[in-house]
Amino acid sequence: VRINDEGSLRNQRFAFTDRFTLVSELLQNARRAGARSITVDHDAVTRTLTVRDNGRGIDDFQKLLTFNESGWDEPTCEAENPFGVGFSRCLYATSRCIVKSRGQCADFDTAAALARTPIDVTESAEAPTEGTQIELHGVDLPDLASRIATLCAGFPVPV
């Protein structure tokens, strides 16, 4: 068996057929991180989506950016079988991504990231010490305000 890495990167954008899966994946990641609350802010005019949670935060930003490899702990992996592709939806659905967690920040152009340009993770006084904040620019979710209740229906964490 061989895997065409470039083809995988190019075609992954078609793995999610619903644009709102982006929001569901970010909510799921927050829940898996032990968040007790999640905040979703969306500005349709500036096309910006920000998701904040108060979970454990991100230990290793590289795990977030590695396809098909989960950074979740063993009990989560055993219970949920995470694929390790959920965050990748951010790379295909936005033009810029800013991830802040545990006093660190990664701010990157998603096209450059998909072209495998190295991403710097820097110390940031603005980054939360608890939880994670993900800010996505250029996201096209024009009906999110009317769909968010449906996306969160039955979700075990307050959103």
Foldseek 3Di string as FASTA:
>chain_A
DDDDVLVCLVCVLVVDPDLCLLVLLVLVVLVLLVFQAKDWDADQVQGKIKIWTQGAWDPDVVLLLDFQHHPHDPVCCVVPVDRSCNSVNLLNQAQWKWKAELQKIWIDGSVCVSVVDDIDIGGHPPGDNGTMMMMGGHGNDNCCVVCVCVSCVPPPHHD
